[in-house]
């Protein structure tokens, strides 16, 4: 199947602009490749330290030069529902790897924080930076020269991108990500959204809200709405780092355990000692990242990936830009309706045909590079198949040819929208990202007076005082990575939604984040350059008329250019980036790059 001309053109430009950095990266990882196990070049004392705690059989194998040794790096903790199922994975994987003729060692753990817990709390200001901490911790785990491949266990938000970035610094190793799967569906998403709005409007109290939230997030597994965690899972599959169909199989099932065992067996075949050497640094090429962007757009996935895909690509020497997202969005149809872009969750998506149907539709439309390399087969074509249990082991069969529920998942011929779920906007306020998949067409353009805030708490107070009961563009600035770590501003969605429901024209403009939970109110987020870095948001005043047109790609303040250029920037708010560990990340805030370059400190 020939690829779409726009897909081909964007990929070609990514290749051309990345030629120097990608070439240098590939040279480095190819130089790191060794003849036989890398531990073969270690001194005897070094190697003895490396296997001192192993059992007798593993010691014998690790002394030789033909047995692959696999690193296991995990984000397990039992506070996060998505990561609690990972507790038993190391033992399952070790057993599968030993049965396949290899050895495995638990190389290290990485931190895993939950944005759902830290929303609106000081800890949220550590969230984005935790991605780079995870990357560094992954590199520490892999730094011992003991390993011929790696299995990475992680699910949520910054954790998966951090694991990938860290693994790419060891790009000569084959790497699989091993998912945990979503929790069972709880309180329907539409009901949950109604309860949140009623609480924001003061119609119900905390106990009723907590009861609804507890009925939504209720058991081990990933939260079922289509936020960053589940966007991670889908992207890792489309980009070829999961086994086919592994992303949304529930935890605690026989199929989930069999897929985990299969990951252990599979990584052995991908090592330099196997028959299908597939290093992650070569697998994640320009085609893989373009495929990831398309999958994000086709599903209306998390806006966080306009940061994470850029940062992961940079770690592989590839320069991916927001312009690439924007151009691909114009030709990528929206094929899913998942909360917050609809009422269904990822379990409904999986039941309707899931990743296999989605990938098949996009391949047939020429919107994915079918020839991209993967861990589950020679090319992405293998991901049109779905896993099933046969005699206690996984086998893959062809997926059904039709969606099981066209209110959740549609073919390319009958999309929910003709373009993707994310748009880029630009103008005299900078560049920003808008998630349009949840926003009705009539709400995507607004021109209204600005009300400027320096925190989400200040906006909430103004809403409670009745000061925003009108057409308004809420400008929430000094929320970028340099200012305070770029927290997600989820608490703004309910009050702004209430205002929109009252018939007002409402929008949000911010240099902070909103994530996969961005709702029905148009929100220009990740504004770059941020206010704290001298960006124009610092010069916006109350009453300035702001125009946001997500479909036309416009973000501007309607102030004469001469006047706006000489207007003095507002003083930043007092520094409150201390407490809850925030002072430890001061060096990150000083070193972080802009949002459109991935908001990272490692590149």
Protein backbone atom coordinates (compact mmCIF):
# COMPACT_ATOMS: atom_id res chain seq x y z
CA UNK A 1 0.00 0.00 0.00
CA UNK A 2 1.45 3.37 -1.07
CA UNK A 3 1.67 5.92 1.71
CA UNK A 4 -0.34 9.14 1.60
CA UNK A 5 1.61 11.93 -0.14
CA UNK A 6 1.44 14.19 2.91
CA UNK A 7 2.71 11.38 5.15
CA UNK A 8 5.55 10.80 2.70
CA UNK A 9 6.37 14.51 2.47
CA UNK A 10 6.38 15.07 6.23
CA UNK A 11 8.53 11.99 6.81
CA UNK A 12 10.96 13.11 4.12
CA UNK A 13 11.31 16.54 5.74
CA UNK A 14 11.87 14.97 9.16
CA UNK A 15 14.60 12.79 7.66
CA UNK A 16 16.23 15.75 5.93
CA UNK A 17 16.21 18.11 8.91
CA UNK A 18 17.45 15.33 11.22
CA UNK A 19 20.19 14.00 8.96
CA UNK A 20 23.12 15.29 10.99
CA UNK A 21 21.84 14.50 14.48
CA UNK A 22 20.33 11.16 13.49
CA UNK A 23 23.50 10.08 11.73
CA UNK A 24 25.61 10.97 14.77
CA UNK A 25 23.21 9.06 17.04
CA UNK A 26 23.31 5.94 14.88
CA UNK A 27 27.10 6.07 14.77
CA UNK A 28 27.20 6.15 18.58
CA UNK A 29 24.87 3.23 19.15
CA UNK A 30 26.50 1.10 16.45
CA UNK A 31 29.87 1.72 18.07
CA UNK A 32 28.38 0.48 21.36
CA UNK A 33 27.42 -2.86 19.81
CA UNK A 34 29.80 -5.62 20.87
CA UNK A 35 30.78 -9.07 19.71
CA UNK A 36 28.94 -11.45 22.02
CA UNK A 37 27.56 -10.37 25.40
CA UNK A 38 28.87 -6.98 26.46
CA UNK A 39 29.82 -8.46 29.84
CA UNK A 40 32.45 -10.49 28.01
CA UNK A 41 34.73 -7.46 28.10
CA UNK A 42 34.37 -6.90 31.84
CA UNK A 43 37.10 -7.58 34.38
CA UNK A 44 36.63 -10.64 36.55
CA UNK A 45 35.92 -8.60 39.70
CA UNK A 46 33.36 -6.51 37.83
CA UNK A 47 31.57 -9.57 36.49
CA UNK A 48 31.65 -11.33 39.84
CA UNK A 49 29.94 -8.33 41.42
CA UNK A 50 27.37 -8.44 38.63
CA UNK A 51 26.23 -12.01 39.29
CA UNK A 52 27.08 -12.41 42.98
CA UNK A 53 23.43 -12.57 44.07
CA UNK A 54 22.31 -14.92 41.28
CA UNK A 55 21.45 -18.60 41.61
CA UNK A 56 23.88 -21.32 40.62
CA UNK A 57 22.45 -21.92 37.15
CA UNK A 58 22.31 -18.22 36.30
CA UNK A 59 25.91 -17.79 37.46
CA UNK A 60 27.02 -20.56 35.12
CA UNK A 61 25.21 -18.97 32.19
CA UNK A 62 26.44 -15.46 32.98
CA UNK A 63 30.06 -16.68 33.07
CA UNK A 64 29.76 -17.84 29.47
CA UNK A 65 29.52 -15.96 26.22
CA UNK A 66 26.40 -17.34 24.54
CA UNK A 67 23.56 -16.62 26.97
CA UNK A 68 21.65 -13.34 26.64
CA UNK A 69 21.01 -11.48 29.90
CA UNK A 70 17.95 -9.23 30.04
CA UNK A 71 17.50 -6.16 32.24
CA UNK A 72 14.13 -5.60 33.88
CA UNK A 73 13.42 -1.96 34.76
CA UNK A 74 10.16 -1.30 36.55
CA UNK A 75 8.01 1.61 37.70
CA UNK A 76 6.11 -0.64 40.12
CA UNK A 77 4.55 0.78 43.22
CA UNK A 78 1.32 -0.22 44.88
CA UNK A 79 -0.11 3.27 45.33
CA UNK A 80 -0.72 3.75 41.62
CA UNK A 81 -3.52 1.54 40.36
CA UNK A 82 -1.93 1.31 36.90
CA UNK A 83 1.39 0.07 38.28
CA UNK A 84 0.19 -2.20 41.08
CA UNK A 85 -0.23 -5.16 38.66
CA UNK A 86 3.49 -4.94 37.81
CA UNK A 87 4.43 -6.39 41.22
CA UNK A 88 4.63 -9.99 39.98
CA UNK A 89 5.97 -9.27 36.49
CA UNK A 90 9.70 -9.73 37.25
CA UNK A 91 9.21 -13.30 38.46
CA UNK A 92 6.94 -14.13 35.50
CA UNK A 93 9.44 -12.65 33.06
CA UNK A 94 12.47 -14.32 34.63
CA UNK A 95 10.78 -17.71 34.42
CA UNK A 96 9.85 -17.20 30.76
CA UNK A 97 13.36 -16.01 29.90
CA UNK A 98 15.02 -18.95 31.68
CA UNK A 99 12.72 -21.34 29.82
CA UNK A 100 13.85 -19.69 26.62
CA UNK A 101 17.53 -20.15 27.39
CA UNK A 102 18.39 -16.74 28.82
CA UNK A 103 18.87 -14.99 32.13
CA UNK A 104 17.26 -11.87 33.54
CA UNK A 105 18.05 -9.51 36.39
CA UNK A 106 15.95 -6.80 37.99
CA UNK A 107 18.23 -3.92 37.02
CA UNK A 108 16.45 -1.08 38.78
CA UNK A 109 13.29 0.76 39.69
CA UNK A 110 12.22 4.18 38.49
CA UNK A 111 9.87 6.62 40.23
CA UNK A 112 6.24 6.69 39.23
CA UNK A 113 4.04 9.58 40.27
CA UNK A 114 0.33 9.93 39.53
CA UNK A 115 -0.95 13.15 38.01
CA UNK A 116 -4.44 12.15 39.09
CA UNK A 117 -3.34 12.34 42.73
CA UNK A 118 -1.24 15.51 42.40
CA UNK A 119 -3.74 17.55 40.34
CA UNK A 120 -3.99 21.02 41.86
CA UNK A 121 -1.37 20.15 44.48
CA UNK A 122 2.20 21.37 44.81
CA UNK A 123 3.47 17.95 43.78
CA UNK A 124 2.11 18.50 40.27
CA UNK A 125 5.02 20.90 39.72
CA UNK A 126 7.35 17.88 39.82
CA UNK A 127 5.31 15.94 37.29
CA UNK A 128 6.79 16.97 33.95
CA UNK A 129 10.33 16.92 35.31
CA UNK A 130 9.74 13.38 36.57
CA UNK A 131 9.94 12.27 32.93
CA UNK A 132 13.60 13.23 32.79
CA UNK A 133 14.24 11.74 36.24
CA UNK A 134 12.76 8.45 34.98
CA UNK A 135 15.00 8.67 31.91
CA UNK A 136 18.10 9.17 34.04
CA UNK A 137 17.08 6.40 36.44
CA UNK A 138 16.60 4.06 33.47
CA UNK A 139 20.07 4.92 32.24
CA UNK A 140 21.53 4.19 35.69
CA UNK A 141 19.80 0.81 35.70
CA UNK A 142 21.24 -0.09 32.30
CA UNK A 143 24.71 1.32 32.94
CA UNK A 144 26.33 -1.83 34.33
CA UNK A 145 27.31 -3.42 31.01
CA UNK A 146 25.60 -6.64 32.05
CA UNK A 147 22.72 -6.66 29.59
CA UNK A 148 21.92 -7.72 26.04
CA UNK A 149 18.34 -6.43 26.05
CA UNK A 150 15.77 -4.81 28.30
CA UNK A 151 12.14 -5.11 29.35
CA UNK A 152 10.60 -1.88 30.61
CA UNK A 153 7.58 -1.99 32.92
CA UNK A 154 5.59 1.23 33.09
CA UNK A 155 2.26 2.68 32.09
CA UNK A 156 1.38 6.26 32.96
CA UNK A 157 1.97 9.83 31.89
CA UNK A 158 5.66 10.82 32.10
CA UNK A 159 6.83 7.31 32.98
CA UNK A 160 6.63 5.65 29.58
CA UNK A 161 8.30 8.56 27.72
CA UNK A 162 10.99 8.64 30.41
CA UNK A 163 11.64 4.91 30.08
CA UNK A 164 11.93 5.27 26.30
CA UNK A 165 14.26 8.28 26.50
CA UNK A 166 16.49 6.45 28.96
CA UNK A 167 16.52 3.29 26.83
CA UNK A 168 17.44 5.30 23.73
CA UNK A 169 20.70 6.25 25.43
CA UNK A 170 21.41 2.50 25.17
CA UNK A 171 20.04 2.37 21.65
CA UNK A 172 22.13 -0.66 20.69
CA UNK A 173 19.97 -2.85 22.95
CA UNK A 174 16.63 -4.37 21.96
CA UNK A 175 13.85 -3.14 24.24
CA UNK A 176 10.23 -4.15 24.78
CA UNK A 177 7.70 -2.29 26.88
CA UNK A 178 5.45 -4.59 28.87
CA UNK A 179 2.02 -3.07 29.69
CA UNK A 180 -0.35 -3.87 32.56
CA UNK A 181 -3.78 -3.15 31.06
CA UNK A 182 -6.81 -1.08 32.15
CA UNK A 183 -9.07 -1.54 35.15
CA UNK A 184 -12.66 -2.62 34.55
CA UNK A 185 -15.08 0.13 33.53
CA UNK A 186 -16.64 1.91 36.47
CA UNK A 187 -19.07 4.81 36.71
CA UNK A 188 -19.90 5.88 33.15
CA UNK A 189 -17.79 8.83 32.05
CA UNK A 190 -20.78 10.95 31.14
CA UNK A 191 -22.15 10.56 34.67
CA UNK A 192 -18.78 11.41 36.19
CA UNK A 193 -18.54 14.60 34.09
CA UNK A 194 -22.03 15.67 35.22
CA UNK A 195 -21.13 15.18 38.88
CA UNK A 196 -17.96 17.25 38.48
CA UNK A 197 -19.91 20.10 36.88
CA UNK A 198 -22.53 20.00 39.64
CA UNK A 199 -19.79 20.21 42.26
CA UNK A 200 -18.15 23.14 40.43
CA UNK A 201 -21.52 24.90 40.35
CA UNK A 202 -21.97 24.36 44.11
CA UNK A 203 -24.96 22.07 43.68
CA UNK A 204 -23.50 19.07 45.55
CA UNK A 205 -20.92 18.56 48.28
CA UNK A 206 -17.58 16.79 48.64
CA UNK A 207 -19.02 13.45 49.77
CA UNK A 208 -21.11 13.09 46.61
CA UNK A 209 -18.17 14.06 44.43
CA UNK A 210 -15.83 11.63 46.21
CA UNK A 211 -18.35 8.81 45.85
CA UNK A 212 -18.50 9.39 42.09
CA UNK A 213 -14.72 9.56 41.75
CA UNK A 214 -14.26 6.39 43.81
CA UNK A 215 -16.76 4.60 41.57
CA UNK A 216 -14.71 5.67 38.55
CA UNK A 217 -11.22 4.82 39.85
CA UNK A 218 -11.89 1.63 41.74
CA UNK A 219 -9.43 -1.23 41.17
CA UNK A 220 -5.96 -2.23 39.88
CA UNK A 221 -5.23 -1.20 36.32
CA UNK A 222 -4.96 1.94 34.24
CA UNK A 223 -7.66 4.60 34.55
CA UNK A 224 -10.00 3.87 31.66
CA UNK A 225 -10.45 7.34 30.18
CA UNK A 226 -8.32 8.20 27.15
CA UNK A 227 -5.74 10.40 28.83
CA UNK A 228 -1.96 10.32 28.67
CA UNK A 229 -1.60 6.86 30.23
CA UNK A 230 -3.75 5.14 27.62
CA UNK A 231 -2.35 7.35 24.86
CA UNK A 232 1.05 6.00 25.94
CA UNK A 233 -0.18 2.44 25.55
CA UNK A 234 -1.64 2.99 22.10
CA UNK A 235 1.42 4.88 20.85
CA UNK A 236 3.85 2.26 22.11
CA UNK A 237 1.92 -0.38 20.18
CA UNK A 238 1.66 1.64 16.97
CA UNK A 239 5.35 2.56 17.25
CA UNK A 240 6.24 -1.13 17.58
CA UNK A 241 7.42 -1.38 21.20
CA UNK A 242 4.55 -3.52 22.54
CA UNK A 243 3.63 -6.95 21.31
CA UNK A 244 0.63 -6.78 18.94
CA UNK A 245 -2.66 -6.26 20.77
CA UNK A 246 -1.05 -6.09 24.21
CA UNK A 247 -2.05 -2.58 25.24
CA UNK A 248 -5.59 -2.97 26.55
CA UNK A 249 -5.84 -6.55 27.81
CA UNK A 250 -7.02 -6.31 31.45
CA UNK A 251 -4.72 -7.19 34.37
CA UNK A 252 -5.27 -10.39 36.29
CA UNK A 253 -6.38 -12.38 33.24
CA UNK A 254 -4.78 -15.47 31.71
CA UNK A 255 -4.23 -13.64 28.45
CA UNK A 256 -2.47 -10.77 30.24
CA UNK A 257 -0.09 -13.21 31.96
CA UNK A 258 0.53 -15.07 28.71
CA UNK A 259 1.37 -11.82 26.91
CA UNK A 260 3.83 -10.96 29.67
CA UNK A 261 5.49 -14.36 29.29
CA UNK A 262 5.56 -13.87 25.52
CA UNK A 263 7.40 -10.56 25.96
CA UNK A 264 10.12 -12.39 27.89
CA UNK A 265 10.50 -15.00 25.18
CA UNK A 266 10.40 -12.43 22.40
CA UNK A 267 13.16 -10.15 23.68
CA UNK A 268 15.61 -13.08 23.54
CA UNK A 269 15.08 -13.38 19.79
CA UNK A 270 15.81 -9.66 19.31
CA UNK A 271 19.19 -9.62 21.03
CA UNK A 272 22.48 -9.71 19.18
CA UNK A 273 22.68 -13.37 20.23
CA UNK A 274 19.32 -14.18 18.62
CA UNK A 275 18.27 -14.43 15.00
CA UNK A 276 16.52 -11.07 14.63
CA UNK A 277 18.67 -8.31 16.15
CA UNK A 278 16.42 -5.26 16.57
CA UNK A 279 17.97 -2.46 18.63
CA UNK A 280 15.56 0.21 19.89
CA UNK A 281 17.68 3.01 18.46
CA UNK A 282 17.20 1.69 14.94
CA UNK A 283 13.58 0.58 15.43
CA UNK A 284 12.53 4.06 16.56
CA UNK A 285 13.32 5.83 13.32
CA UNK A 286 11.57 8.68 11.51
CA UNK A 287 8.82 6.34 10.27
CA UNK A 288 8.04 5.15 13.79
CA UNK A 289 7.67 8.69 15.14
CA UNK A 290 5.50 9.82 12.24
CA UNK A 291 3.35 6.73 12.84
CA UNK A 292 3.05 7.77 16.49
CA UNK A 293 1.90 11.27 15.56
CA UNK A 294 -0.73 9.90 13.18
CA UNK A 295 -2.06 7.47 15.81
CA UNK A 296 -2.30 10.31 18.33
CA UNK A 297 -4.21 12.48 15.87
CA UNK A 298 -6.52 9.70 14.67
CA UNK A 299 -7.61 8.96 18.22
CA UNK A 300 -7.74 12.47 19.71
CA UNK A 301 -5.09 11.47 22.23
CA UNK A 302 -3.35 13.38 24.99
CA UNK A 303 -1.90 16.80 24.27
CA UNK A 304 1.02 15.84 26.51
CA UNK A 305 2.40 13.92 23.56
CA UNK A 306 3.06 17.13 21.67
CA UNK A 307 5.82 17.35 24.29
CA UNK A 308 6.71 13.69 24.79
CA UNK A 309 6.92 12.59 21.15
CA UNK A 310 9.18 15.57 20.43
CA UNK A 311 11.40 14.73 23.42
CA UNK A 312 11.57 11.00 22.62
CA UNK A 313 12.42 11.76 19.01
CA UNK A 314 15.21 14.12 20.09
CA UNK A 315 16.68 11.30 22.19
CA UNK A 316 16.97 9.28 18.96
CA UNK A 317 18.56 12.17 17.08
CA UNK A 318 15.31 13.05 15.27
CA UNK A 319 13.90 16.57 15.07
CA UNK A 320 10.09 16.40 15.23
CA UNK A 321 8.17 19.70 15.27
CA UNK A 322 4.68 20.98 15.96
CA UNK A 323 4.46 21.88 12.27
CA UNK A 324 4.69 18.14 11.52
CA UNK A 325 1.77 17.49 13.88
CA UNK A 326 -0.24 20.27 12.26
CA UNK A 327 0.34 19.15 8.68
CA UNK A 328 -0.44 15.51 9.47
CA UNK A 329 -3.57 16.54 11.39
CA UNK A 330 -5.07 18.05 8.23
CA UNK A 331 -5.11 14.66 6.47
CA UNK A 332 -5.64 12.30 9.41
CA UNK A 333 -9.29 11.41 10.08
CA UNK A 334 -10.57 11.20 13.64
CA UNK A 335 -11.59 7.54 14.11
CA UNK A 336 -12.44 7.28 17.83
CA UNK A 337 -14.77 8.84 20.36
CA UNK A 338 -13.29 8.16 23.80
CA UNK A 339 -13.73 10.15 26.99
CA UNK A 340 -13.13 13.10 27.26
CA UNK A 341 -13.91 13.27 23.52
CA UNK A 342 -16.96 11.04 23.99
CA UNK A 343 -18.51 8.88 26.68
CA UNK A 344 -16.84 5.52 25.93
CA UNK A 345 -13.62 4.33 27.57
CA UNK A 346 -10.68 2.23 26.40
CA UNK A 347 -12.43 -1.01 27.31
CA UNK A 348 -15.18 -0.11 24.86
CA UNK A 349 -12.52 0.78 22.28
CA UNK A 350 -10.79 -2.58 22.80
CA UNK A 351 -14.06 -4.47 22.49
CA UNK A 352 -14.98 -2.60 19.31
CA UNK A 353 -11.82 -3.77 17.52
CA UNK A 354 -9.13 -1.75 19.29
CA UNK A 355 -5.62 -1.22 18.04
CA UNK A 356 -5.71 -3.97 15.40
CA UNK A 357 -8.71 -2.44 13.61
CA UNK A 358 -7.33 1.09 13.97
CA UNK A 359 -3.90 0.13 12.63
CA UNK A 360 -5.38 -1.82 9.73
CA UNK A 361 -7.61 1.10 8.71
CA UNK A 362 -4.74 3.60 8.83
CA UNK A 363 -2.39 1.29 6.91
CA UNK A 364 -5.01 0.72 4.19
CA UNK A 365 -5.49 4.49 3.89
CA UNK A 366 -1.74 4.99 3.46
CA UNK A 367 -1.57 6.90 6.74
CA UNK A 368 0.95 4.66 8.50
CA UNK A 369 4.33 3.40 7.39
CA UNK A 370 3.56 -0.31 7.23
CA UNK A 371 7.23 -1.11 6.68
CA UNK A 372 8.30 0.35 10.05
CA UNK A 373 10.21 -2.12 12.21
CA UNK A 374 8.62 -3.55 15.37
CA UNK A 375 9.38 -5.90 18.24
CA UNK A 376 6.42 -8.11 17.36
CA UNK A 377 7.19 -8.92 13.73
CA UNK A 378 9.22 -7.75 10.79
CA UNK A 379 6.86 -4.82 10.12
CA UNK A 380 3.76 -3.08 11.43
CA UNK A 381 1.63 -5.45 9.35
CA UNK A 382 1.84 -7.93 12.27
CA UNK A 383 -0.16 -5.48 14.38
CA UNK A 384 -3.29 -6.04 12.34
CA UNK A 385 -3.58 -9.28 14.31
CA UNK A 386 -5.03 -9.87 17.78
CA UNK A 387 -3.73 -12.15 20.53
CA UNK A 388 -5.68 -15.14 21.84
CA UNK A 389 -4.92 -18.00 24.20
CA UNK A 390 -4.26 -21.39 22.63
CA UNK A 391 -3.13 -24.12 25.00
CA UNK A 392 -2.10 -21.54 27.59
CA UNK A 393 0.14 -19.62 25.18
CA UNK A 394 -0.44 -16.64 22.94
CA UNK A 395 -1.14 -16.96 19.26
CA UNK A 396 -2.14 -14.17 16.91
CA UNK A 397 -5.03 -14.27 14.47
CA UNK A 398 -6.39 -11.81 11.94
CA UNK A 399 -8.66 -9.15 13.45
CA UNK A 400 -12.26 -8.73 12.47
CA UNK A 401 -12.78 -6.54 9.43
CA UNK A 402 -15.46 -4.30 10.90
CA UNK A 403 -15.81 -2.14 13.99
CA UNK A 404 -17.96 -3.66 16.68
CA UNK A 405 -19.32 -0.24 17.67
CA UNK A 406 -19.19 2.67 15.25
CA UNK A 407 -20.12 5.10 18.05
CA UNK A 408 -16.66 4.36 19.49
CA UNK A 409 -14.42 3.28 16.59
CA UNK A 410 -14.97 3.98 12.93
CA UNK A 411 -13.36 3.11 9.59
CA UNK A 412 -11.51 5.72 7.58
CA UNK A 413 -14.41 5.85 5.12
CA UNK A 414 -16.78 7.07 7.87
CA UNK A 415 -14.71 9.14 10.33
CA UNK A 416 -16.01 11.26 13.18
CA UNK A 417 -14.12 14.15 11.61
CA UNK A 418 -12.06 14.61 8.47
CA UNK A 419 -9.03 15.89 10.39
CA UNK A 420 -7.11 14.90 13.47
CA UNK A 421 -7.79 15.75 17.09
CA UNK A 422 -5.01 18.33 17.56
CA UNK A 423 -4.40 21.69 15.91
CA UNK A 424 -1.55 24.17 16.18
CA UNK A 425 -2.34 27.88 16.54
CA UNK A 426 0.00 30.84 16.23
CA UNK A 427 0.09 34.61 16.23
CA UNK A 428 1.43 37.52 18.27
CA UNK A 429 0.91 35.51 21.48
CA UNK A 430 3.23 32.74 20.29
CA UNK A 431 2.49 29.15 19.29
CA UNK A 432 0.20 26.74 21.10
CA UNK A 433 -1.65 23.45 20.80
CA UNK A 434 -5.44 23.01 20.84
CA UNK A 435 -7.18 19.67 21.34
CA UNK A 436 -10.25 20.03 19.13
CA UNK A 437 -11.58 16.49 19.20
CA UNK A 438 -13.76 17.23 22.25
CA UNK A 439 -14.73 20.76 21.20
CA UNK A 440 -17.86 21.38 19.13
CA UNK A 441 -17.15 23.21 15.85
CA UNK A 442 -19.21 26.23 16.95
CA UNK A 443 -16.99 26.67 20.01
CA UNK A 444 -13.63 26.51 18.25
CA UNK A 445 -13.44 30.23 17.44
CA UNK A 446 -13.82 32.98 20.03
CA UNK A 447 -13.04 36.67 20.31
CA UNK A 448 -13.55 38.05 23.81
CA UNK A 449 -11.95 40.21 26.52
CA UNK A 450 -9.15 38.61 28.50
CA UNK A 451 -9.09 38.04 32.22
CA UNK A 452 -5.52 37.41 33.30
CA UNK A 453 -4.46 35.10 36.14
CA UNK A 454 -1.13 33.86 37.45
CA UNK A 455 -2.52 30.67 39.00
CA UNK A 456 -5.43 28.29 38.59
CA UNK A 457 -6.48 29.03 42.17
CA UNK A 458 -7.00 32.70 41.28
CA UNK A 459 -9.27 31.70 38.39
CA UNK A 460 -11.28 29.39 40.64
CA UNK A 461 -11.73 32.21 43.16
CA UNK A 462 -12.91 34.58 40.44
CA UNK A 463 -15.39 31.97 39.20
CA UNK A 464 -16.73 31.40 42.70
CA UNK A 465 -17.18 35.15 43.15
CA UNK A 466 -19.23 35.37 39.93
CA UNK A 467 -16.65 37.56 38.18
CA UNK A 468 -16.42 35.37 35.05
CA UNK A 469 -20.12 35.04 34.23
CA UNK A 470 -19.67 36.51 30.74
CA UNK A 471 -17.82 35.99 27.47
CA UNK A 472 -14.19 35.65 28.48
CA UNK A 473 -10.79 34.35 27.45
CA UNK A 474 -9.09 33.20 30.63
CA UNK A 475 -5.34 33.76 30.32
CA UNK A 476 -3.45 31.69 32.93
CA UNK A 477 0.23 32.47 32.60
CA UNK A 478 3.46 31.71 34.47
CA UNK A 479 2.58 28.02 34.31
CA UNK A 480 5.33 26.99 31.87
CA UNK A 481 8.25 24.64 32.51
CA UNK A 482 10.66 27.41 33.50
CA UNK A 483 8.15 29.11 35.80
CA UNK A 484 6.97 26.20 37.91
CA UNK A 485 7.46 22.94 36.02
CA UNK A 486 4.40 23.25 33.76
CA UNK A 487 1.68 21.66 35.91
CA UNK A 488 -1.53 20.32 34.45
CA UNK A 489 -4.47 22.60 35.12
CA UNK A 490 -7.33 20.10 35.25
CA UNK A 491 -9.17 22.04 37.93
CA UNK A 492 -10.00 24.70 35.37
CA UNK A 493 -12.09 22.40 33.19
CA UNK A 494 -15.24 22.19 35.39
CA UNK A 495 -15.70 25.95 36.03
CA UNK A 496 -14.99 26.90 32.43
CA UNK A 497 -17.37 24.18 31.26
CA UNK A 498 -20.07 25.58 33.54
CA UNK A 499 -19.62 29.04 31.99
CA UNK A 500 -19.83 27.58 28.49
CA UNK A 501 -22.97 25.64 29.44
CA UNK A 502 -24.51 28.92 30.55
CA UNK A 503 -24.20 30.15 26.99
CA UNK A 504 -21.06 32.24 27.31
CA UNK A 505 -18.23 32.26 24.78
CA UNK A 506 -15.28 30.91 26.78
CA UNK A 507 -11.69 29.86 26.10
CA UNK A 508 -8.48 29.19 27.99
CA UNK A 509 -5.03 30.39 26.94
CA UNK A 510 -2.10 29.16 29.02
CA UNK A 511 1.56 28.24 28.96
CA UNK A 512 0.68 25.34 31.25
CA UNK A 513 -0.71 21.91 30.39
CA UNK A 514 -4.17 20.33 30.33
CA UNK A 515 -3.29 16.76 29.27
CA UNK A 516 -5.54 14.03 27.98
CA UNK A 517 -8.39 15.27 30.13
CA UNK A 518 -8.82 18.45 28.06
CA UNK A 519 -12.53 18.97 27.76
CA UNK A 520 -15.17 20.71 25.66
CA UNK A 521 -13.86 24.24 26.26
CA UNK A 522 -11.36 25.44 23.63
CA UNK A 523 -7.94 25.64 25.26
CA UNK A 524 -4.75 26.96 23.67
CA UNK A 525 -2.13 25.30 25.84
CA UNK A 526 1.67 24.93 25.96
CA UNK A 527 1.93 28.55 24.73
CA UNK A 528 5.53 29.01 23.63
CA UNK A 529 7.56 31.01 24.48
CA UNK A 530 6.23 30.95 28.01
CA UNK A 531 5.66 34.10 30.05
CA UNK A 532 8.57 33.37 32.42
CA UNK A 533 10.94 33.20 29.44
CA UNK A 534 9.88 36.62 28.14
CA UNK A 535 6.95 35.37 26.10
CA UNK A 536 4.17 37.74 25.02
CA UNK A 537 1.65 36.33 27.50
CA UNK A 538 3.47 38.44 30.10
CA UNK A 539 2.23 41.58 28.28
CA UNK A 540 -1.46 40.70 28.10
CA UNK A 541 -3.73 42.81 30.34
CA UNK A 542 -7.26 42.44 31.63
CA UNK A 543 -9.68 43.63 28.97
CA UNK A 544 -7.43 43.04 25.97
CA UNK A 545 -9.45 41.30 23.28
CA UNK A 546 -7.99 37.88 22.44
CA UNK A 547 -8.87 35.90 19.33
CA UNK A 548 -8.53 32.12 19.30
CA UNK A 549 -9.55 30.25 16.16
CA UNK A 550 -8.55 26.61 16.40
CA UNK A 551 -9.65 25.72 12.88
CA UNK A 552 -7.92 28.70 11.25
CA UNK A 553 -4.81 28.29 13.42
CA UNK A 554 -4.95 31.76 14.99
CA UNK A 555 -3.94 32.94 18.47
CA UNK A 556 -3.57 36.68 18.86
CA UNK A 557 -4.29 39.65 21.06
CA UNK A 558 -6.04 42.48 19.22
CA UNK A 559 -3.71 45.25 20.34
CA UNK A 560 -1.84 47.39 17.77
CA UNK A 561 1.57 45.88 17.07
CA UNK A 562 3.44 49.07 18.00
CA UNK A 563 1.66 49.35 21.32
CA UNK A 564 2.01 45.68 22.20
CA UNK A 565 5.71 45.58 21.31
CA UNK A 566 6.63 48.32 23.80
CA UNK A 567 4.21 47.31 26.54
CA UNK A 568 6.02 46.43 29.77
CA UNK A 569 5.75 42.81 30.88
CA UNK A 570 3.91 42.18 34.12
CA UNK A 571 6.07 41.27 37.07
CA UNK A 572 6.12 37.52 37.74
CA UNK A 573 4.36 36.29 40.88
CA UNK A 574 6.44 35.68 44.02
CA UNK A 575 8.55 32.53 43.82
CA UNK A 576 6.74 29.68 45.55
CA UNK A 577 8.68 26.81 44.01
CA UNK A 578 9.70 25.27 47.31
CA UNK A 579 8.16 22.67 49.59
CA UNK A 580 6.97 19.20 48.52
CA UNK A 581 10.42 18.67 47.03
CA UNK A 582 10.12 21.51 44.52
CA UNK A 583 13.36 23.15 45.66
CA UNK A 584 15.25 20.06 44.51
CA UNK A 585 14.20 20.76 40.93
CA UNK A 586 15.47 24.32 40.71
CA UNK A 587 18.28 23.31 38.37
CA UNK A 588 15.70 21.70 36.06
CA UNK A 589 13.68 24.92 35.85
CA UNK A 590 16.81 26.83 34.89
CA UNK A 591 17.87 24.31 32.24
CA UNK A 592 14.54 23.30 30.69
CA UNK A 593 13.87 23.92 27.02
CA UNK A 594 10.69 25.40 25.51
CA UNK A 595 7.47 23.44 25.17
CA UNK A 596 7.69 23.14 21.40
CA UNK A 597 11.09 21.46 21.78
CA UNK A 598 9.70 18.93 24.24
CA UNK A 599 10.17 20.88 27.51
CA UNK A 600 13.12 18.69 28.45
CA UNK A 601 16.35 19.16 30.38
CA UNK A 602 18.27 16.33 28.70
CA UNK A 603 18.67 17.74 25.20
